[in-house]
Amino acid sequence: MGRRAFIKTGTLAGLGLGLTGFGAAVSTPESQSPHIRRYPLLGRTGLQISDISFGADRLSRGQEQLVHHAYAAGINYFDTAETYRDGDSEITLGLALRGKRHQVHLASKTLAWADARREDLMRALEGSLRRLQTDYVDIYFNHAVNDLERLRNPEWHAFVEAAKRQGKIRFTGVSGHAGHLQECLDYAIDSGQFDVILCAYNFGQDPRFYQRFLSGFDVVARQPDLPRIIKKARSRGVGVIAMKTLMGARLNDMRPYEVGGATYAQAAFRWVLSNPDVDGLIVSMTSNEAINEFVAASGFRALESEDLPLLQRYAQLNAGSYCRNGCNTCQESCPYGVAIPDVLRTRMYAVDYHDTRMARSEYAMITRNATACLSCSGRPCAGACPYGVRIAELTAATHLLLTG
């Protein structure tokens, strides 16, 4: 479907998304490097962050130049975690941002389990501060939450109170992209004890996208409440940062279809940022070229004319292999309790991101991995995915790929 067909059927108006006045071509000559054009307030924190920010989950030792390039492009928010690259991500950020600490906002994360003790949480924070070469982080996240008991743990809240009192963290957040995402986000917002949510959010998770644009593409998005939750966060003053915005990031699949200077990544970012309840997004940045491409979408608050056809094409090409973050519909189908969404997420890191190191590290942390899939007939989970993902085939292959 082309631009005229979209406009003629009124679908743009149906979504409430107009065209920007920036023009369709957003690629920039090398002599005029793209630069961040918008610094929204992050909820009640008062922090003004670049609308497209640096996800440091794939940042390795010796890559300080990447951070310098992002900083020169106007990026002032850098998101990391103690587990990223076994601490190397934090170390590299610390080295790269020496002398710039008060010009940037730093966020880190820890896996605070339901039985975590405040002393252990404080040690984890202090380890991050040492690696980052700073006295404080602007936001400290309870990381990858998929269980309400982790948010209810009184030790987490006692730790937060002490860390704030000592000036080691300014604000707290919760991040999530796995099972029970909506339930956990609702609780975090309603509790009033979290200042920021970092959640998986992309065009493939909004029911409006499929229902209005993919006629004949027989799926229904499994997270109809996510837009509601994001809107509630906004109304409560809770900052909203989106991640996993590229729906798997198979960027090379889309190069043949990109026209007019716009790219799939830019279309996906504009879709996310067109939601007025989203403050900004983070994305893994692995090269200067990628940073330039991503930053070129900064400042847009609505879709461009060719964006929706690109997003539709991507969904058609990749829907059968992409596991939707937080859907979790398939989980109860497995008699062996394999953590299917987590396994498929690590597959995404290995196959789509081409990052085997990260995939192996994440896979090793899965308690119920896909070992059982090697001897299973595949019948229990056949048809369990509403999007048509071939679960048994992909989980077994992922186990072999990441343990061989």
Foldseek 3Di string as FASTA:
>chain_A
DALVVCVVVPVCVVVVFDADPPDDALADPPVDFAAFDAFFQFFPLRGTFRQEAAEQLAPAPPVLVLVVLLVVRPGAEYEEECPRVVNRSLLSQLVNCVVPVVVHAYEYEDQQDLPRALVVVVVRLVVSCVSNVHQAHAEYENEADADQSSVVRVRVVVNVVVCVVVVHYNFYEYEHFAAPVVVNLVCVQVVVRHQEYEYADWLQQDQSLCVPPVVVQPFGHQCPCPLVSLVSCNVSRRGYEHEPLLLLQLQVVLVVPDPNNAGQLLLSQLVVQLSVSHSHYYYHDDDSVVSSNNSSSHPHNGGHSGSSVSVNVVCVVPLQLGDGTHNCQQQVLDPQRARQSQLSVLVSCCPRVVNLPSSLSSQVPGPRACPVLVPDPQVSRQVSDSSNHSRSVSRVVSCVSNVD
